Amino acid sequence: MEGLSSALSIGLGALGPGIGIGLIGLGAMQAIGRNPDAQNKILPAMLLGMAFAEAIAIYALVIAFIK
């Protein structure tokens, strides 16, 4: 039963950040497609948003290891 709770915590904990990272990338690529000159401002914000979303998945991984 302990393995199931760990599997569910990492599985569900990575689902939201995975979708979020995809949406961040989608929005950034659409914005760059509309205005290529703004790439230097969009790219750092996109990477920062992706890093914050990925941190949530890492927290879920830590919780899975603790259980």
C-alpha atoms as a PDB file:
ATOM      1  CA  MET A   1       0.000   0.000   0.000  1.00  0.00           C
ATOM      2  CA  GLU A   2       2.933   2.301   0.653  1.00  0.00           C
ATOM      3  CA  GLY A   3       4.134   1.952  -2.935  1.00  0.00           C
ATOM      4  CA  LEU A   4       0.724   2.920  -4.242  1.00  0.00           C
ATOM      5  CA  SER A   5       0.657   6.154  -2.257  1.00  0.00           C
ATOM      6  CA  SER A   6       4.143   7.065  -3.481  1.00  0.00           C
ATOM      7  CA  ALA A   7       3.201   6.304  -7.071  1.00  0.00           C
ATOM      8  CA  LEU A   8       0.030   8.363  -6.847  1.00  0.00           C
ATOM      9  CA  SER A   9       1.780  11.305  -5.201  1.00  0.00           C
ATOM     10  CA  ILE A  10       4.448  11.582  -7.906  1.00  0.00           C
ATOM     11  CA  GLY A  11       2.031  10.747 -10.719  1.00  0.00           C
ATOM     12  CA  LEU A  12      -0.591  13.286  -9.754  1.00  0.00           C
ATOM     13  CA  GLY A  13       2.037  15.728  -8.531  1.00  0.00           C
ATOM     14  CA  ALA A  14       3.702  15.776 -11.944  1.00  0.00           C
ATOM     15  CA  LEU A  15       0.464  16.016 -13.923  1.00  0.00           C
ATOM     16  CA  GLY A  16      -0.293  19.653 -13.095  1.00  0.00           C
ATOM     17  CA  PRO A  17       3.230  20.985 -13.629  1.00  0.00           C
ATOM     18  CA  GLY A  18       3.490  19.038 -16.882  1.00  0.00           C
ATOM     19  CA  ILE A  19       0.353  20.668 -18.223  1.00  0.00           C
ATOM     20  CA  GLY A  20       1.496  24.043 -16.904  1.00  0.00           C
ATOM     21  CA  ILE A  21       4.892  23.798 -18.601  1.00  0.00           C
ATOM     22  CA  GLY A  22       3.185  22.895 -21.863  1.00  0.00           C
ATOM     23  CA  LEU A  23       0.859  25.877 -21.621  1.00  0.00           C
ATOM     24  CA  ILE A  24       3.742  28.220 -20.778  1.00  0.00           C
ATOM     25  CA  GLY A  25       5.669  27.002 -23.812  1.00  0.00           C
ATOM     26  CA  LEU A  26       2.581  27.297 -26.010  1.00  0.00           C
ATOM     27  CA  GLY A  27       1.952  30.876 -24.938  1.00  0.00           C
ATOM     28  CA  ALA A  28       5.581  31.868 -25.392  1.00  0.00           C
ATOM     29  CA  MET A  29       5.809  30.365 -28.870  1.00  0.00           C
ATOM     30  CA  GLN A  30       2.572  32.052 -29.908  1.00  0.00           C
ATOM     31  CA  ALA A  31       3.812  35.378 -28.579  1.00  0.00           C
ATOM     32  CA  ILE A  32       7.148  35.037 -30.375  1.00  0.00           C
ATOM     33  CA  GLY A  33       5.313  34.028 -33.535  1.00  0.00           C
ATOM     34  CA  ARG A  34       3.219  37.188 -33.370  1.00  0.00           C
ATOM     35  CA  ASN A  35       6.121  39.470 -32.472  1.00  0.00           C
ATOM     36  CA  PRO A  36       9.568  37.958 -33.165  1.00  0.00           C
ATOM     37  CA  ASP A  37      11.346  41.118 -32.009  1.00  0.00           C
ATOM     38  CA  ALA A  38      10.085  40.539 -28.448  1.00  0.00           C
ATOM     39  CA  GLN A  39      11.892  37.206 -28.133  1.00  0.00           C
ATOM     40  CA  ASN A  40      14.572  38.657 -25.843  1.00  0.00           C
ATOM     41  CA  LYS A  41      11.877  39.669 -23.327  1.00  0.00           C
ATOM     42  CA  ILE A  42       9.654  36.589 -23.661  1.00  0.00           C
ATOM     43  CA  LEU A  43      12.285  33.855 -23.389  1.00  0.00           C
ATOM     44  CA  PRO A  44      13.598  34.703 -19.876  1.00  0.00           C
ATOM     45  CA  ALA A  45      10.056  35.027 -18.512  1.00  0.00           C
ATOM     46  CA  MET A  46       9.127  31.691 -20.099  1.00  0.00           C
ATOM     47  CA  LEU A  47      12.142  29.921 -18.592  1.00  0.00           C
ATOM     48  CA  LEU A  48      11.456  31.395 -15.159  1.00  0.00           C
ATOM     49  CA  GLY A  49       7.828  30.258 -15.290  1.00  0.00           C
ATOM     50  CA  MET A  50       8.874  26.785 -16.374  1.00  0.00           C
ATOM     51  CA  ALA A  51      11.379  26.581 -13.516  1.00  0.00           C
ATOM     52  CA  PHE A  52       8.712  27.487 -10.951  1.00  0.00           C
ATOM     53  CA  ALA A  53       6.320  24.918 -12.396  1.00  0.00           C
ATOM     54  CA  GLU A  54       9.051  22.269 -12.378  1.00  0.00           C
ATOM     55  CA  ALA A  55       9.793  23.030  -8.717  1.00  0.00           C
ATOM     56  CA  ILE A  56       6.275  21.865  -7.837  1.00  0.00           C
ATOM     57  CA  ALA A  57       6.971  18.523  -9.520  1.00  0.00           C
ATOM     58  CA  ILE A  58      10.204  18.227  -7.535  1.00  0.00           C
ATOM     59  CA  TYR A  59       8.250  18.806  -4.310  1.00  0.00           C
ATOM     60  CA  ALA A  60       5.946  15.939  -5.309  1.00  0.00           C
ATOM     61  CA  LEU A  61       8.993  13.744  -5.925  1.00  0.00           C
ATOM     62  CA  VAL A  62      10.340  14.555  -2.459  1.00  0.00           C
ATOM     63  CA  ILE A  63       6.980  13.678  -0.909  1.00  0.00           C
ATOM     64  CA  ALA A  64       6.967  10.388  -2.828  1.00  0.00           C
ATOM     65  CA  PHE A  65      10.407   9.521  -1.453  1.00  0.00           C
ATOM     66  CA  ILE A  66       9.407  10.414   2.117  1.00  0.00           C
ATOM     67  CA  LYS A  67       6.349   8.152   2.107  1.00  0.00           C
END
